[in-house]
Amino acid sequence: MKIEVWSDFVCPFCYIGKRRLESALDQFPHKEEIELEYKSYELDPNAEKNPGKDIHEILAGKYGMSYEKAKNSNEQLGQQAAELGLTYNFDTMKHTNTFDAHRVAKYAEENGKGKAMTERLLKAYFTDSELISDHETLIRLADEMGLDTDRVTELLKVDDYAIHVRADEEKARQIGVQGVPFFVLNEKYAVSGAQPSEVFSEVLEKVWEEENEKPALQSLNPKKSETEYCTDEGCEVKE
């Protein structure tokens, strides 16, 4: 079974949804037969690399709410994350553009470390308050993953892997993704949002059963028709 996950590194529900899916997969008896792939999605392609505002201020401006209300909303979200063992440091979080981070993740994927890089970038943003658009930061994080830092330095100077990011985003538009996280199973079934682990477990079981059940043959004989046939006991001859 293949699971494709569209997400962004500055999306709080993407990290929560990731953990909930992982929890469901840990209980899934066919976990070893799951192919998991993370897809690029930018919540705000026009986001500045250094907006000069804290995350509460950005949220308040985006939704037309007070600073205090935005901060309270973030605190509640942080409590949801904490229930999954995640730490969200909203007060020091550095909201930024994620395009270059997605490019580095695509390079990591090509080298068999896409899932590990995705996890590291999410932690860097939500927990470590790293500026994940900063090239030096991205090079250091790639080094932690054991990636070729010279290659990462080179790709960040040009447009390498941009085509892969854009391809993911174009596919998202084609299949109607309007928000993340968004999960697609076997290119046939979709789940949107950070659903509870129980929902993911139900979906995994349902898709596995439907994709692996043997198709039942349907008889195309006309109704009330008589026919001649043989069994292991002999042949039936129509008189």
C-alpha atoms as a PDB file:
ATOM      1  CA  MET A   1       0.000   0.000   0.000  1.00  0.00           C
ATOM      2  CA  LYS A   2       1.295   3.446  -0.887  1.00  0.00           C
ATOM      3  CA  ILE A   3       0.515   6.514   1.212  1.00  0.00           C
ATOM      4  CA  GLU A   4       1.308   9.969  -0.136  1.00  0.00           C
ATOM      5  CA  VAL A   5       1.205  12.863   2.330  1.00  0.00           C
ATOM      6  CA  TRP A   6       1.006  16.483   1.226  1.00  0.00           C
ATOM      7  CA  SER A   7       2.270  18.748   4.008  1.00  0.00           C
ATOM      8  CA  ASP A   8       4.202  21.899   4.833  1.00  0.00           C
ATOM      9  CA  PHE A   9       6.913  22.369   7.449  1.00  0.00           C
ATOM     10  CA  VAL A  10       5.178  25.374   9.056  1.00  0.00           C
ATOM     11  CA  CYS A  11       1.778  23.667   9.275  1.00  0.00           C
ATOM     12  CA  PRO A  12       1.048  22.764  12.925  1.00  0.00           C
ATOM     13  CA  PHE A  13      -1.594  20.209  12.003  1.00  0.00           C
ATOM     14  CA  CYS A  14       0.806  18.524   9.565  1.00  0.00           C
ATOM     15  CA  TYR A  15       3.138  17.561  12.426  1.00  0.00           C
ATOM     16  CA  ILE A  16       0.183  16.433  14.536  1.00  0.00           C
ATOM     17  CA  GLY A  17      -1.293  14.470  11.620  1.00  0.00           C
ATOM     18  CA  LYS A  18       2.082  12.864  10.971  1.00  0.00           C
ATOM     19  CA  ARG A  19       2.276  11.581  14.542  1.00  0.00           C
ATOM     20  CA  ARG A  20      -1.283  10.292  14.484  1.00  0.00           C
ATOM     21  CA  LEU A  21      -0.693   8.414  11.241  1.00  0.00           C
ATOM     22  CA  GLU A  22       2.533   6.961  12.641  1.00  0.00           C
ATOM     23  CA  SER A  23       0.661   5.813  15.737  1.00  0.00           C
ATOM     24  CA  ALA A  24      -1.893   4.029  13.557  1.00  0.00           C
ATOM     25  CA  LEU A  25       0.856   2.466  11.447  1.00  0.00           C
ATOM     26  CA  ASP A  26       2.584   1.140  14.558  1.00  0.00           C
ATOM     27  CA  GLN A  27      -0.554  -0.903  15.256  1.00  0.00           C
ATOM     28  CA  PHE A  28      -1.120  -1.945  11.648  1.00  0.00           C
ATOM     29  CA  PRO A  29      -0.188  -5.606  11.040  1.00  0.00           C
ATOM     30  CA  HIS A  30       0.969  -4.882   7.484  1.00  0.00           C
ATOM     31  CA  LYS A  31       3.162  -1.910   8.383  1.00  0.00           C
ATOM     32  CA  GLU A  32       6.206  -3.359   6.608  1.00  0.00           C
ATOM     33  CA  GLU A  33       4.277  -3.373   3.341  1.00  0.00           C
ATOM     34  CA  ILE A  34       3.498   0.353   3.496  1.00  0.00           C
ATOM     35  CA  GLU A  35       5.338   2.789   1.228  1.00  0.00           C
ATOM     36  CA  LEU A  36       5.165   6.267   2.769  1.00  0.00           C
ATOM     37  CA  GLU A  37       6.062   9.337   0.716  1.00  0.00           C
ATOM     38  CA  TYR A  38       5.903  13.002   1.692  1.00  0.00           C
ATOM     39  CA  LYS A  39       4.859  15.541  -0.930  1.00  0.00           C
ATOM     40  CA  SER A  40       5.617  19.256  -1.076  1.00  0.00           C
ATOM     41  CA  TYR A  41       2.937  21.843  -0.367  1.00  0.00           C
ATOM     42  CA  GLU A  42       3.436  25.542   0.458  1.00  0.00           C
ATOM     43  CA  LEU A  43       0.695  27.043   2.595  1.00  0.00           C
ATOM     44  CA  ASP A  44       1.962  30.504   1.702  1.00  0.00           C
ATOM     45  CA  PRO A  45       4.267  30.553  -1.352  1.00  0.00           C
ATOM     46  CA  ASN A  46       4.604  34.335  -0.947  1.00  0.00           C
ATOM     47  CA  ALA A  47       5.704  34.203   2.677  1.00  0.00           C
ATOM     48  CA  GLU A  48       8.729  36.330   3.513  1.00  0.00           C
ATOM     49  CA  LYS A  49      11.886  34.668   4.733  1.00  0.00           C
ATOM     50  CA  ASN A  50      12.154  37.154   7.593  1.00  0.00           C
ATOM     51  CA  PRO A  51       8.744  38.731   8.232  1.00  0.00           C
ATOM     52  CA  GLY A  52       9.905  40.489  11.400  1.00  0.00           C
ATOM     53  CA  LYS A  53       6.793  39.420  13.340  1.00  0.00           C
ATOM     54  CA  ASP A  54       6.176  36.665  15.855  1.00  0.00           C
ATOM     55  CA  ILE A  55       3.782  33.849  15.033  1.00  0.00           C
ATOM     56  CA  HIS A  56       0.969  35.273  17.194  1.00  0.00           C
ATOM     57  CA  GLU A  57       1.143  38.574  15.345  1.00  0.00           C
ATOM     58  CA  ILE A  58       1.097  36.832  11.977  1.00  0.00           C
ATOM     59  CA  LEU A  59      -1.928  34.724  12.949  1.00  0.00           C
ATOM     60  CA  ALA A  60      -3.784  37.742  14.312  1.00  0.00           C
ATOM     61  CA  GLY A  61      -3.214  39.687  11.100  1.00  0.00           C
ATOM     62  CA  LYS A  62      -4.187  36.780   8.865  1.00  0.00           C
ATOM     63  CA  TYR A  63      -7.519  36.097  10.579  1.00  0.00           C
ATOM     64  CA  GLY A  64      -8.358  39.565  11.850  1.00  0.00           C
ATOM     65  CA  MET A  65      -8.278  38.651  15.536  1.00  0.00           C
ATOM     66  CA  SER A  66      -6.641  40.205  18.563  1.00  0.00           C
ATOM     67  CA  TYR A  67      -3.093  39.332  19.516  1.00  0.00           C
ATOM     68  CA  GLU A  68      -4.274  37.738  22.763  1.00  0.00           C
ATOM     69  CA  LYS A  69      -6.855  35.605  20.991  1.00  0.00           C
ATOM     70  CA  ALA A  70      -4.232  34.436  18.505  1.00  0.00           C
ATOM     71  CA  LYS A  71      -1.861  33.565  21.331  1.00  0.00           C
ATOM     72  CA  ASN A  72      -4.573  31.648  23.166  1.00  0.00           C
ATOM     73  CA  SER A  73      -5.420  29.734  19.999  1.00  0.00           C
ATOM     74  CA  ASN A  74      -1.769  28.773  19.565  1.00  0.00           C
ATOM     75  CA  GLU A  75      -1.545  27.657  23.182  1.00  0.00           C
ATOM     76  CA  GLN A  76      -4.506  25.328  22.699  1.00  0.00           C
ATOM     77  CA  LEU A  77      -2.871  23.933  19.588  1.00  0.00           C
ATOM     78  CA  GLY A  78       0.317  23.432  21.546  1.00  0.00           C
ATOM     79  CA  GLN A  79      -1.606  21.381  24.098  1.00  0.00           C
ATOM     80  CA  GLN A  80      -2.861  19.083  21.322  1.00  0.00           C
ATOM     81  CA  ALA A  81       0.703  18.621  20.156  1.00  0.00           C
ATOM     82  CA  ALA A  82       1.914  17.917  23.690  1.00  0.00           C
ATOM     83  CA  GLU A  83      -0.549  15.033  23.993  1.00  0.00           C
ATOM     84  CA  LEU A  84       1.397  13.378  21.174  1.00  0.00           C
ATOM     85  CA  GLY A  85       4.790  14.080  22.711  1.00  0.00           C
ATOM     86  CA  LEU A  86       5.487  17.118  20.530  1.00  0.00           C
ATOM     87  CA  THR A  87       6.750  20.469  21.783  1.00  0.00           C
ATOM     88  CA  TYR A  88       5.544  23.614  20.018  1.00  0.00           C
ATOM     89  CA  ASN A  89       7.438  26.747  21.058  1.00  0.00           C
ATOM     90  CA  PHE A  90       5.144  29.373  19.542  1.00  0.00           C
ATOM     91  CA  ASP A  91       6.721  32.320  21.367  1.00  0.00           C
ATOM     92  CA  THR A  92      10.076  31.805  19.618  1.00  0.00           C
ATOM     93  CA  MET A  93       8.881  30.218  16.373  1.00  0.00           C
ATOM     94  CA  LYS A  94      10.274  31.820  13.202  1.00  0.00           C
ATOM     95  CA  HIS A  95       7.598  31.830  10.521  1.00  0.00           C
ATOM     96  CA  THR A  96       9.150  31.836   7.069  1.00  0.00           C
ATOM     97  CA  ASN A  97       9.057  30.752   3.433  1.00  0.00           C
ATOM     98  CA  THR A  98       9.445  26.980   3.018  1.00  0.00           C
ATOM     99  CA  PHE A  99      10.332  26.592  -0.658  1.00  0.00           C
ATOM    100  CA  ASP A 100      14.054  25.962  -0.109  1.00  0.00           C
ATOM    101  CA  ALA A 101      13.311  23.558   2.725  1.00  0.00           C
ATOM    102  CA  HIS A 102      11.096  21.559   0.367  1.00  0.00           C
ATOM    103  CA  ARG A 103      13.895  21.490  -2.208  1.00  0.00           C
ATOM    104  CA  VAL A 104      16.338  20.099   0.350  1.00  0.00           C
ATOM    105  CA  ALA A 105      13.742  17.512   1.408  1.00  0.00           C
ATOM    106  CA  LYS A 106      13.427  16.417  -2.229  1.00  0.00           C
ATOM    107  CA  TYR A 107      17.187  15.973  -2.436  1.00  0.00           C
ATOM    108  CA  ALA A 108      17.062  13.953   0.797  1.00  0.00           C
ATOM    109  CA  GLU A 109      14.271  11.793  -0.636  1.00  0.00           C
ATOM    110  CA  GLU A 110      16.397  11.046  -3.690  1.00  0.00           C
ATOM    111  CA  ASN A 111      19.070   9.793  -1.298  1.00  0.00           C
ATOM    112  CA  GLY A 112      16.741   7.614   0.767  1.00  0.00           C
ATOM    113  CA  LYS A 113      16.396  10.070   3.656  1.00  0.00           C
ATOM    114  CA  GLY A 114      13.248  11.984   2.759  1.00  0.00           C
ATOM    115  CA  LYS A 115      11.181  10.855   5.750  1.00  0.00           C
ATOM    116  CA  ALA A 116      14.019  11.573   8.203  1.00  0.00           C
ATOM    117  CA  MET A 117      14.579  15.020   6.701  1.00  0.00           C
ATOM    118  CA  THR A 118      10.861  15.800   6.886  1.00  0.00           C
ATOM    119  CA  GLU A 119      10.821  14.938  10.582  1.00  0.00           C
ATOM    120  CA  ARG A 120      13.958  16.991  11.234  1.00  0.00           C
ATOM    121  CA  LEU A 121      12.601  20.079   9.469  1.00  0.00           C
ATOM    122  CA  LEU A 122       9.328  19.910  11.391  1.00  0.00           C
ATOM    123  CA  LYS A 123      11.183  19.633  14.682  1.00  0.00           C
ATOM    124  CA  ALA A 124      13.548  22.420  13.664  1.00  0.00           C
ATOM    125  CA  TYR A 125      10.634  24.772  13.063  1.00  0.00           C
ATOM    126  CA  PHE A 126       8.167  23.889  15.814  1.00  0.00           C
ATOM    127  CA  THR A 127      10.471  22.825  18.632  1.00  0.00           C
ATOM    128  CA  ASP A 128      13.919  24.297  18.001  1.00  0.00           C
ATOM    129  CA  SER A 129      12.743  27.682  16.644  1.00  0.00           C
ATOM    130  CA  GLU A 130      15.102  27.440  13.685  1.00  0.00           C
ATOM    131  CA  LEU A 131      14.776  29.691  10.646  1.00  0.00           C
ATOM    132  CA  ILE A 132      14.294  26.925   8.094  1.00  0.00           C
ATOM    133  CA  SER A 133      14.639  29.237   5.096  1.00  0.00           C
ATOM    134  CA  ASP A 134      18.196  30.125   6.105  1.00  0.00           C
ATOM    135  CA  HIS A 135      20.668  28.315   3.883  1.00  0.00           C
ATOM    136  CA  GLU A 136      23.252  27.747   6.598  1.00  0.00           C
ATOM    137  CA  THR A 137      20.551  26.219   8.772  1.00  0.00           C
ATOM    138  CA  LEU A 138      19.415  23.919   5.970  1.00  0.00           C
ATOM    139  CA  ILE A 139      23.000  22.840   5.260  1.00  0.00           C
ATOM    140  CA  ARG A 140      23.556  22.045   8.946  1.00  0.00           C
ATOM    141  CA  LEU A 141      20.329  20.044   9.180  1.00  0.00           C
ATOM    142  CA  ALA A 142      21.249  18.149   6.015  1.00  0.00           C
ATOM    143  CA  ASP A 143      24.640  17.374   7.567  1.00  0.00           C
ATOM    144  CA  GLU A 144      22.839  15.903  10.598  1.00  0.00           C
ATOM    145  CA  MET A 145      21.047  13.573   8.211  1.00  0.00           C
ATOM    146  CA  GLY A 146      24.330  12.458   6.685  1.00  0.00           C
ATOM    147  CA  LEU A 147      23.704  14.182   3.365  1.00  0.00           C
ATOM    148  CA  ASP A 148      26.392  15.667   1.114  1.00  0.00           C
ATOM    149  CA  THR A 149      26.645  19.251   2.372  1.00  0.00           C
ATOM    150  CA  ASP A 150      28.591  20.390  -0.692  1.00  0.00           C
ATOM    151  CA  ARG A 151      25.727  19.198  -2.877  1.00  0.00           C
ATOM    152  CA  VAL A 152      23.158  20.876  -0.641  1.00  0.00           C
ATOM    153  CA  THR A 153      25.148  24.118  -0.737  1.00  0.00           C
ATOM    154  CA  GLU A 154      25.232  23.922  -4.527  1.00  0.00           C
ATOM    155  CA  LEU A 155      21.538  23.158  -5.010  1.00  0.00           C
ATOM    156  CA  LEU A 156      20.518  26.044  -2.754  1.00  0.00           C
ATOM    157  CA  LYS A 157      22.456  28.494  -4.946  1.00  0.00           C
ATOM    158  CA  VAL A 158      20.439  27.551  -8.036  1.00  0.00           C
ATOM    159  CA  ASP A 159      16.987  26.132  -8.818  1.00  0.00           C
ATOM    160  CA  ASP A 160      17.791  22.441  -8.363  1.00  0.00           C
ATOM    161  CA  TYR A 161      14.821  20.326  -7.257  1.00  0.00           C
ATOM    162  CA  ALA A 162      12.426  23.218  -7.779  1.00  0.00           C
ATOM    163  CA  ILE A 163      10.795  21.218 -10.568  1.00  0.00           C
ATOM    164  CA  HIS A 164      10.093  18.379  -8.129  1.00  0.00           C
ATOM    165  CA  VAL A 165       8.472  20.711  -5.614  1.00  0.00           C
ATOM    166  CA  ARG A 166       6.347  22.305  -8.328  1.00  0.00           C
ATOM    167  CA  ALA A 167       5.328  18.884  -9.647  1.00  0.00           C
ATOM    168  CA  ASP A 168       3.985  17.922  -6.209  1.00  0.00           C
ATOM    169  CA  GLU A 169       2.089  21.181  -5.955  1.00  0.00           C
ATOM    170  CA  GLU A 170       0.638  20.784  -9.432  1.00  0.00           C
ATOM    171  CA  LYS A 171      -0.556  17.269  -8.633  1.00  0.00           C
ATOM    172  CA  ALA A 172      -2.139  18.636  -5.456  1.00  0.00           C
ATOM    173  CA  ARG A 173      -4.104  21.128  -7.564  1.00  0.00           C
ATOM    174  CA  GLN A 174      -5.160  18.409  -9.994  1.00  0.00           C
ATOM    175  CA  ILE A 175      -6.594  16.170  -7.289  1.00  0.00           C
ATOM    176  CA  GLY A 176      -8.250  19.046  -5.460  1.00  0.00           C
ATOM    177  CA  VAL A 177      -6.082  19.487  -2.382  1.00  0.00           C
ATOM    178  CA  GLN A 178      -7.164  22.700  -0.670  1.00  0.00           C
ATOM    179  CA  GLY A 179      -5.415  22.280   2.641  1.00  0.00           C
ATOM    180  CA  VAL A 180      -2.886  20.120   4.456  1.00  0.00           C
ATOM    181  CA  PRO A 181      -2.214  17.593   5.767  1.00  0.00           C
ATOM    182  CA  PHE A 182      -3.751  15.575   2.957  1.00  0.00           C
ATOM    183  CA  PHE A 183      -3.295  11.815   2.674  1.00  0.00           C
ATOM    184  CA  VAL A 184      -3.777   9.727  -0.470  1.00  0.00           C
ATOM    185  CA  LEU A 185      -3.766   5.929  -0.287  1.00  0.00           C
ATOM    186  CA  ASN A 186      -3.025   3.902  -3.406  1.00  0.00           C
ATOM    187  CA  GLU A 187      -3.953   6.936  -5.528  1.00  0.00           C
ATOM    188  CA  LYS A 188      -7.629   6.066  -4.926  1.00  0.00           C
ATOM    189  CA  TYR A 189      -8.581   7.009  -1.377  1.00  0.00           C
ATOM    190  CA  ALA A 190      -8.167  10.379   0.346  1.00  0.00           C
ATOM    191  CA  VAL A 191      -8.145  11.550   3.946  1.00  0.00           C
ATOM    192  CA  SER A 192      -7.919  15.239   4.753  1.00  0.00           C
ATOM    193  CA  GLY A 193      -6.808  16.844   7.987  1.00  0.00           C
ATOM    194  CA  ALA A 194      -5.090  15.633  11.152  1.00  0.00           C
ATOM    195  CA  GLN A 195      -7.585  12.889  11.875  1.00  0.00           C
ATOM    196  CA  PRO A 196      -7.442  10.910  15.147  1.00  0.00           C
ATOM    197  CA  SER A 197      -5.249   7.799  15.083  1.00  0.00           C
ATOM    198  CA  GLU A 198      -8.393   5.660  15.319  1.00  0.00           C
ATOM    199  CA  VAL A 199      -9.629   7.084  12.023  1.00  0.00           C
ATOM    200  CA  PHE A 200      -6.315   6.355  10.327  1.00  0.00           C
ATOM    201  CA  SER A 201      -6.440   2.796  11.686  1.00  0.00           C
ATOM    202  CA  GLU A 202      -9.925   2.273  10.262  1.00  0.00           C
ATOM    203  CA  VAL A 203      -8.877   3.687   6.904  1.00  0.00           C
ATOM    204  CA  LEU A 204      -5.763   1.509   6.736  1.00  0.00           C
ATOM    205  CA  GLU A 205      -7.785  -1.633   7.449  1.00  0.00           C
ATOM    206  CA  LYS A 206     -10.527  -0.703   4.986  1.00  0.00           C
ATOM    207  CA  VAL A 207      -8.147   0.094   2.131  1.00  0.00           C
ATOM    208  CA  TRP A 208      -6.050  -2.987   2.797  1.00  0.00           C
ATOM    209  CA  GLU A 209      -9.088  -5.253   2.729  1.00  0.00           C
ATOM    210  CA  GLU A 210     -10.581  -3.683  -0.383  1.00  0.00           C
ATOM    211  CA  GLU A 211      -7.304  -3.699  -2.280  1.00  0.00           C
ATOM    212  CA  ASN A 212      -6.435  -7.289  -1.381  1.00  0.00           C
ATOM    213  CA  GLU A 213      -9.787  -9.060  -1.494  1.00  0.00           C
ATOM    214  CA  LYS A 214     -10.262 -11.560  -4.285  1.00  0.00           C
ATOM    215  CA  PRO A 215     -12.824 -10.363  -6.830  1.00  0.00           C
ATOM    216  CA  ALA A 216     -16.020 -12.402  -6.900  1.00  0.00           C
ATOM    217  CA  LEU A 217     -17.011 -13.680 -10.329  1.00  0.00           C
ATOM    218  CA  GLN A 218     -20.408 -12.648 -11.600  1.00  0.00           C
ATOM    219  CA  SER A 219     -22.368 -15.057 -13.778  1.00  0.00           C
ATOM    220  CA  LEU A 220     -23.411 -13.622 -17.135  1.00  0.00           C
ATOM    221  CA  ASN A 221     -25.700 -16.545 -18.009  1.00  0.00           C
ATOM    222  CA  PRO A 222     -29.169 -15.348 -19.013  1.00  0.00           C
ATOM    223  CA  LYS A 223     -31.798 -15.897 -16.360  1.00  0.00           C
ATOM    224  CA  LYS A 224     -33.783 -19.177 -16.695  1.00  0.00           C
ATOM    225  CA  SER A 225     -31.307 -20.440 -19.299  1.00  0.00           C
ATOM    226  CA  GLU A 226     -30.529 -24.137 -19.507  1.00  0.00           C
ATOM    227  CA  THR A 227     -27.019 -25.263 -20.235  1.00  0.00           C
ATOM    228  CA  GLU A 228     -24.833 -28.315 -20.496  1.00  0.00           C
ATOM    229  CA  TYR A 229     -21.812 -28.758 -18.266  1.00  0.00           C
ATOM    230  CA  CYS A 230     -19.601 -31.303 -16.530  1.00  0.00           C
ATOM    231  CA  THR A 231     -18.616 -31.727 -12.899  1.00  0.00           C
ATOM    232  CA  ASP A 232     -16.305 -34.211 -11.199  1.00  0.00           C
ATOM    233  CA  GLU A 233     -19.309 -36.531 -10.964  1.00  0.00           C
ATOM    234  CA  GLY A 234     -20.064 -36.557 -14.666  1.00  0.00           C
ATOM    235  CA  CYS A 235     -21.646 -34.500 -17.427  1.00  0.00           C
ATOM    236  CA  GLU A 236     -25.149 -33.075 -17.407  1.00  0.00           C
ATOM    237  CA  VAL A 237     -26.780 -33.449 -20.800  1.00  0.00           C
ATOM    238  CA  LYS A 238     -29.817 -31.322 -21.601  1.00  0.00           C
ATOM    239  CA  GLU A 239     -32.662 -33.420 -23.046  1.00  0.00           C
END
